[in-house]
Amino acid sequence: MTYRIDCLQYANWSEKVFRQMHEGGVDAVHVTIAYHENFRETVLNIEKWNRWFEQYPDLIFHGEWASDVARARETGRTAIFFGFQNPSPIEDDIGLVEVLHKLGARFMQLSYNNQSLLATGCYEAEDPGITRMGKQVIKEMNRVGLVVDMSHSADRSTIEAAELSERPIAITHANLHSWQPALRNKRDDVVRAVVDNGGMMGFSLYPHHLRGKSDCTVDDFCQMIATAAERFGAQHFGIGSDLCQDQPDSIVEWMRVGRWSKDIDYGEGSASAPGFPEQPAWFRDNRDFGNIEQGLRRAGFDAAEIAGLMGGNWHRFFAENFTPAHAQPDT
């Protein structure tokens, strides 16, 4: 069965977006439910999602296991998987890793641009790697089935996380640094460390990560995927669009600044372009996944490889990594 899975979105959620997921045939989406929130604030975000699940049961439901992707396809809905872009929801308490997994979290970044209690973010000048607490938290995440995500982390920290983790890790949303040298994109040695441990990387449609930014063409994007597949193997890749549809610019400010700075941090933007960049015309919302599929076909991928890149590879990864260690994989 061919699935469509997007392993990262942070849209301004609404019935419109949920209907577009349905129209686009999107079976599963990993959604960000925390950027800088503490544990209690993250619980409030889960409550918000619970209300949406109650309001739109014909469109979305809370996904917890790989088998929920098949259930979504069978019922014409989208399974929503929770993740954090920062370890702030666990605060300084390793016991909250298991609690949050039981509340439905399936991905957690070890850092978001800055140094955290666990690892170094990609905007820091120095990267001392995984911290003492980080080593313990990785071990606990492996035990309960919470995936280590290094999308916003620095190089050494990411390589060390891949080496320390006994289970595969993920970079849910980024591109090749050799294609577009953004701070957030990943150098080949980083990608190699992740895939050598069986890990996955999702390709980002966020314009700051694209060559040509908003003017990037679908064929250039798919050619980058072809390069990655040639270097590392197509089975290690999928889509993690980083779609921030319908969000006001105040949200990108919250992502970049949180509560850690009084000064404005422009991140990948600039003082002259501080807000969200415009999406490329061929990927504006969830109805546009077909454009990527066609681009992959033109780039020379066969049907099986396209099925893997559009969702099959993520589905396999979900099955192997969401369940507690030593439990049977869930398919």
Protein backbone atom coordinates (compact mmCIF):
# COMPACT_ATOMS: atom_id res chain seq x y z
CA MET A 1 0.00 0.00 0.00
CA THR A 2 1.26 3.50 -0.85
CA TYR A 3 1.06 6.05 1.96
CA ARG A 4 1.50 9.81 2.08
CA ILE A 5 3.22 10.89 5.29
CA ASP A 6 4.53 14.35 6.13
CA CYS A 7 6.93 14.16 9.06
CA LEU A 8 6.71 17.83 10.12
CA GLN A 9 4.11 20.57 9.94
CA TYR A 10 3.22 23.52 12.13
CA ALA A 11 0.22 25.01 10.37
CA ASN A 12 -2.34 27.36 11.91
CA TRP A 13 -4.68 24.43 12.43
CA SER A 14 -8.26 24.77 11.25
CA GLU A 15 -11.03 22.80 9.58
CA LYS A 16 -9.75 24.21 6.27
CA VAL A 17 -6.28 22.70 6.80
CA PHE A 18 -7.75 19.37 7.94
CA ARG A 19 -9.95 19.24 4.82
CA GLN A 20 -6.94 20.01 2.63
CA MET A 21 -5.12 17.08 4.25
CA HIS A 22 -8.07 14.89 3.27
CA GLU A 23 -8.16 16.28 -0.28
CA GLY A 24 -4.40 15.75 -0.63
CA GLY A 25 -4.69 12.12 0.48
CA VAL A 26 -2.33 12.73 3.40
CA ASP A 27 -2.49 9.70 5.69
CA ALA A 28 -0.32 10.99 8.54
CA VAL A 29 1.29 14.21 9.73
CA HIS A 30 3.81 14.73 12.53
CA VAL A 31 2.71 18.02 14.09
CA THR A 32 4.73 20.25 16.41
CA ILE A 33 2.94 20.72 19.72
CA ALA A 34 5.80 22.48 21.56
CA TYR A 35 8.52 24.98 20.69
CA HIS A 36 9.47 26.53 24.04
CA GLU A 37 6.59 25.32 26.22
CA ASN A 38 7.15 23.72 29.60
CA PHE A 39 5.36 20.51 30.64
CA ARG A 40 2.12 22.14 31.79
CA GLU A 41 1.90 24.37 28.71
CA THR A 42 2.47 21.33 26.48
CA VAL A 43 -0.41 19.55 28.22
CA LEU A 44 -2.61 22.55 27.37
CA ASN A 45 -1.60 22.13 23.71
CA ILE A 46 -2.58 18.45 23.90
CA GLU A 47 -5.96 19.53 25.30
CA LYS A 48 -6.38 21.82 22.30
CA TRP A 49 -5.69 18.91 19.94
CA ASN A 50 -8.10 16.69 21.87
CA ARG A 51 -10.84 19.23 21.18
CA TRP A 52 -10.02 19.21 17.45
CA PHE A 53 -10.15 15.40 17.43
CA GLU A 54 -13.58 15.66 19.05
CA GLN A 55 -14.79 18.37 16.63
CA TYR A 56 -13.51 16.81 13.39
CA PRO A 57 -13.61 13.02 13.90
CA ASP A 58 -14.37 12.48 10.20
CA LEU A 59 -11.09 14.22 9.22
CA ILE A 60 -8.43 13.62 11.90
CA PHE A 61 -7.58 11.42 14.88
CA HIS A 62 -4.66 11.05 17.28
CA GLY A 63 -2.06 8.70 15.83
CA GLU A 64 0.07 6.72 18.27
CA TRP A 65 1.32 3.69 16.34
CA ALA A 66 2.30 2.80 12.77
CA SER A 67 -0.92 0.81 12.44
CA ASP A 68 -2.81 4.11 12.76
CA VAL A 69 -1.45 5.14 9.34
CA ALA A 70 -3.26 2.16 7.77
CA ARG A 71 -6.38 2.99 9.81
CA ALA A 72 -6.24 6.56 8.49
CA ARG A 73 -6.04 5.30 4.90
CA GLU A 74 -8.91 2.83 5.41
CA THR A 75 -11.18 5.47 6.95
CA GLY A 76 -10.22 8.40 4.69
CA ARG A 77 -8.74 10.45 7.55
CA THR A 78 -5.35 11.80 8.67
CA ALA A 79 -3.52 10.41 11.69
CA ILE A 80 -1.91 13.20 13.73
CA PHE A 81 1.35 12.33 15.52
CA PHE A 82 2.70 14.67 18.22
CA GLY A 83 6.26 15.94 18.46
CA PHE A 84 8.35 18.64 20.17
CA GLN A 85 10.94 20.92 18.53
CA ASN A 86 12.67 21.42 21.87
CA PRO A 87 13.17 19.30 25.01
CA SER A 88 11.53 22.04 27.10
CA PRO A 89 8.43 19.88 27.84
CA ILE A 90 10.55 17.49 29.93
CA GLU A 91 12.02 20.47 31.83
CA ASP A 92 14.86 18.97 33.92
CA ASP A 93 12.98 15.77 34.76
CA ILE A 94 13.88 12.56 32.91
CA GLY A 95 10.72 10.90 34.27
CA LEU A 96 8.62 13.14 32.01
CA VAL A 97 9.99 11.35 28.92
CA GLU A 98 7.80 8.31 29.65
CA VAL A 99 4.86 10.44 30.79
CA LEU A 100 4.88 12.40 27.52
CA HIS A 101 5.22 9.25 25.42
CA LYS A 102 2.11 7.93 27.18
CA LEU A 103 0.35 11.22 26.34
CA GLY A 104 1.12 10.52 22.69
CA ALA A 105 4.43 12.26 21.94
CA ARG A 106 6.50 10.36 19.37
CA PHE A 107 9.35 12.77 18.42
CA MET A 108 11.46 15.15 20.50
CA GLN A 109 14.28 17.39 19.27
CA LEU A 110 17.20 17.50 21.64
CA SER A 111 17.77 21.20 20.89
CA TYR A 112 16.13 24.03 18.98
CA ASN A 113 18.85 26.32 17.51
CA ASN A 114 20.31 27.08 20.98
CA GLN A 115 22.19 25.04 23.58
CA SER A 116 19.76 23.00 25.67
CA LEU A 117 20.19 20.79 28.72
CA LEU A 118 20.69 17.89 26.28
CA ALA A 119 22.53 19.05 23.15
CA THR A 120 23.75 22.00 21.10
CA GLY A 121 21.63 23.88 18.55
CA CYS A 122 22.89 24.77 15.08
CA TYR A 123 23.13 28.52 15.84
CA GLU A 124 25.70 28.19 18.64
CA ALA A 125 29.34 29.10 17.89
CA GLU A 126 30.68 26.08 19.81
CA ASP A 127 29.28 22.54 19.83
CA PRO A 128 30.54 20.46 22.78
CA GLY A 129 28.15 17.64 21.81
CA ILE A 130 25.65 15.66 23.86
CA THR A 131 25.57 16.63 27.56
CA ARG A 132 25.57 14.32 30.57
CA MET A 133 21.81 14.68 30.88
CA GLY A 134 21.46 14.23 27.11
CA LYS A 135 23.10 10.80 27.28
CA GLN A 136 20.65 9.69 29.95
CA VAL A 137 17.64 11.13 28.12
CA ILE A 138 18.61 9.41 24.84
CA LYS A 139 18.76 6.11 26.74
CA GLU A 140 15.31 6.76 28.22
CA MET A 141 13.85 7.86 24.86
CA ASN A 142 15.16 4.63 23.34
CA ARG A 143 13.51 2.63 26.13
CA VAL A 144 10.03 4.13 25.83
CA GLY A 145 9.87 4.70 22.05
CA LEU A 146 10.27 8.49 21.80
CA VAL A 147 12.29 9.25 18.66
CA VAL A 148 15.41 11.41 18.92
CA ASP A 149 15.04 14.26 16.40
CA MET A 150 18.10 16.39 15.55
CA SER A 151 16.62 18.74 12.94
CA HIS A 152 17.76 21.97 14.64
CA SER A 153 20.90 20.58 16.27
CA ALA A 154 24.55 21.25 15.52
CA ASP A 155 26.79 18.79 13.66
CA ARG A 156 28.79 17.19 16.47
CA SER A 157 25.71 16.84 18.67
CA THR A 158 23.82 15.13 15.84
CA ILE A 159 26.65 12.72 15.04
CA GLU A 160 27.06 11.87 18.73
CA ALA A 161 23.30 11.36 19.15
CA ALA A 162 23.31 8.91 16.23
CA GLU A 163 26.24 7.03 17.74
CA LEU A 164 24.89 7.00 21.31
CA SER A 165 21.34 6.04 20.41
CA GLU A 166 20.68 2.30 20.37
CA ARG A 167 17.69 2.93 18.09
CA PRO A 168 17.63 4.88 14.81
CA ILE A 169 17.26 8.65 15.10
CA ALA A 170 15.66 11.17 12.75
CA ILE A 171 16.21 14.52 11.13
CA THR A 172 12.55 15.17 10.42
CA HIS A 173 12.91 18.37 8.37
CA ALA A 174 16.07 19.60 6.61
CA ASN A 175 17.88 19.38 3.26
CA LEU A 176 21.41 18.70 2.03
CA HIS A 177 23.89 21.42 3.00
CA SER A 178 25.83 20.72 -0.20
CA TRP A 179 22.72 21.73 -2.20
CA GLN A 180 21.76 24.79 -0.14
CA PRO A 181 24.26 25.88 2.56
CA ALA A 182 21.75 27.06 5.16
CA LEU A 183 22.78 26.62 8.80
CA ARG A 184 19.86 24.27 9.27
CA ASN A 185 20.72 21.98 6.35
CA LYS A 186 22.83 18.91 6.98
CA ARG A 187 26.37 18.17 5.82
CA ASP A 188 27.09 14.78 4.33
CA ASP A 189 28.99 13.45 7.37
CA VAL A 190 25.96 14.25 9.55
CA VAL A 191 23.53 12.53 7.16
CA ARG A 192 25.90 9.55 6.95
CA ALA A 193 26.00 9.17 10.75
CA VAL A 194 22.18 9.19 10.90
CA VAL A 195 21.56 6.72 8.05
CA ASP A 196 24.35 4.35 9.12
CA ASN A 197 22.36 3.78 12.31
CA GLY A 198 19.19 3.07 10.28
CA GLY A 199 17.89 6.61 10.74
CA MET A 200 15.64 8.76 8.55
CA MET A 201 15.69 12.29 7.14
CA GLY A 202 12.68 14.24 5.88
CA PHE A 203 13.19 16.84 3.14
CA SER A 204 11.96 20.36 3.93
CA LEU A 205 9.87 22.67 1.76
CA TYR A 206 10.53 25.67 4.00
CA PRO A 207 11.91 28.31 1.58
CA HIS A 208 14.96 29.22 3.70
CA HIS A 209 16.10 25.59 3.26
CA LEU A 210 15.61 25.60 -0.53
CA ARG A 211 18.03 26.61 -3.26
CA GLY A 212 16.47 29.74 -4.75
CA LYS A 213 14.20 29.98 -1.66
CA SER A 214 10.59 30.70 -2.73
CA ASP A 215 11.62 30.46 -6.41
CA CYS A 216 13.00 26.93 -6.09
CA THR A 217 11.50 24.60 -8.71
CA VAL A 218 10.03 21.21 -7.94
CA ASP A 219 12.51 19.63 -10.37
CA ASP A 220 15.50 21.18 -8.58
CA PHE A 221 14.10 19.96 -5.25
CA CYS A 222 13.59 16.43 -6.61
CA GLN A 223 17.06 16.44 -8.15
CA MET A 224 18.42 17.16 -4.66
CA ILE A 225 16.48 14.11 -3.41
CA ALA A 226 17.98 12.06 -6.25
CA THR A 227 21.48 13.16 -5.16
CA ALA A 228 20.73 12.15 -1.55
CA ALA A 229 19.34 8.78 -2.68
CA GLU A 230 22.43 8.12 -4.76
CA ARG A 231 24.79 8.97 -1.89
CA PHE A 232 22.96 7.35 1.00
CA GLY A 233 20.12 5.12 -0.29
CA ALA A 234 16.54 6.18 -1.04
CA GLN A 235 15.17 4.03 1.82
CA HIS A 236 16.45 6.56 4.38
CA PHE A 237 14.44 9.53 3.13
CA GLY A 238 10.93 10.96 3.14
CA ILE A 239 9.17 14.31 3.34
CA GLY A 240 9.16 16.62 6.37
CA SER A 241 7.74 19.73 4.71
CA ASP A 242 7.99 22.14 7.67
CA LEU A 243 4.77 23.65 6.32
CA CYS A 244 3.69 26.64 8.45
CA GLN A 245 0.51 27.37 6.52
CA ASP A 246 -1.72 30.32 7.50
CA GLN A 247 0.51 31.32 10.44
CA PRO A 248 0.86 35.02 11.32
CA ASP A 249 4.40 36.41 11.46
CA SER A 250 4.12 36.68 15.26
CA ILE A 251 4.46 32.88 15.32
CA VAL A 252 7.83 32.80 13.57
CA GLU A 253 8.98 35.39 16.12
CA TRP A 254 7.85 33.04 18.92
CA MET A 255 9.73 30.15 17.30
CA ARG A 256 12.96 32.14 17.10
CA VAL A 257 12.79 34.17 20.31
CA GLY A 258 10.65 32.20 22.75
CA ARG A 259 11.41 33.61 26.19
CA TRP A 260 15.17 33.36 25.97
CA SER A 261 15.93 36.80 24.45
CA LYS A 262 14.76 40.39 24.80
CA ASP A 263 16.26 41.17 21.41
CA ILE A 264 14.65 40.06 18.18
CA ASP A 265 16.43 37.11 16.63
CA TYR A 266 15.79 36.85 12.89
CA GLY A 267 16.99 33.26 12.60
CA GLU A 268 17.05 32.34 8.92
CA GLY A 269 15.29 35.59 8.02
CA SER A 270 16.59 39.16 8.28
CA ALA A 271 15.54 42.61 9.50
CA SER A 272 14.31 43.39 5.99
CA ALA A 273 12.41 40.08 5.73
CA PRO A 274 11.50 39.12 9.30
CA GLY A 275 8.32 37.11 8.65
CA PHE A 276 7.46 33.78 7.09
CA PRO A 277 8.83 33.44 3.55
CA GLU A 278 6.35 32.67 0.77
CA GLN A 279 5.97 29.00 -0.08
CA PRO A 280 6.99 27.90 -3.60
CA ALA A 281 3.97 27.95 -5.95
CA TRP A 282 4.07 24.15 -6.33
CA PHE A 283 3.77 23.46 -2.59
CA ARG A 284 1.38 25.82 -0.81
CA ASP A 285 -0.69 23.32 1.18
CA ASN A 286 -1.48 19.63 1.70
CA ARG A 287 -3.20 19.31 -1.67
CA ASP A 288 0.15 19.71 -3.46
CA PHE A 289 1.88 16.43 -2.57
CA GLY A 290 1.08 15.14 -6.05
CA ASN A 291 3.47 17.75 -7.49
CA ILE A 292 6.35 16.19 -5.53
CA GLU A 293 5.34 12.72 -6.70
CA GLN A 294 5.40 13.84 -10.34
CA GLY A 295 8.75 15.57 -9.80
CA LEU A 296 10.24 12.38 -8.36
CA ARG A 297 9.03 10.48 -11.42
CA ARG A 298 10.72 13.01 -13.70
CA ALA A 299 13.90 12.71 -11.60
CA GLY A 300 14.07 9.01 -12.51
CA PHE A 301 12.74 7.27 -9.41
CA ASP A 302 10.75 4.07 -9.95
CA ALA A 303 7.31 3.39 -8.46
CA ALA A 304 8.64 1.54 -5.39
CA GLU A 305 11.16 4.28 -4.57
CA ILE A 306 8.48 6.98 -4.95
CA ALA A 307 6.14 5.04 -2.65
CA GLY A 308 8.95 4.89 -0.08
CA LEU A 309 9.86 8.57 -0.34
CA MET A 310 6.22 9.73 -0.15
CA GLY A 311 5.50 7.78 3.02
CA GLY A 312 6.50 4.13 3.00
CA ASN A 313 9.92 4.78 4.52
CA TRP A 314 8.44 6.83 7.36
CA HIS A 315 5.81 4.15 7.92
CA ARG A 316 8.52 1.50 8.34
CA PHE A 317 10.41 3.82 10.72
CA PHE A 318 7.24 4.45 12.79
CA ALA A 319 6.65 0.68 13.07
CA GLU A 320 10.14 0.04 14.38
CA ASN A 321 10.58 3.02 16.68
CA PHE A 322 7.34 4.14 18.35
CA THR A 323 6.91 1.04 20.51
CA PRO A 324 8.86 0.53 23.75
CA ALA A 325 12.19 -1.31 23.42
CA HIS A 326 11.85 -5.09 23.20
CA ALA A 327 8.17 -4.81 22.24
CA GLN A 328 7.09 -6.25 18.90
CA PRO A 329 7.20 -3.72 16.03
CA ASP A 330 3.73 -2.33 15.30
CA THR A 331 2.60 -2.48 11.68
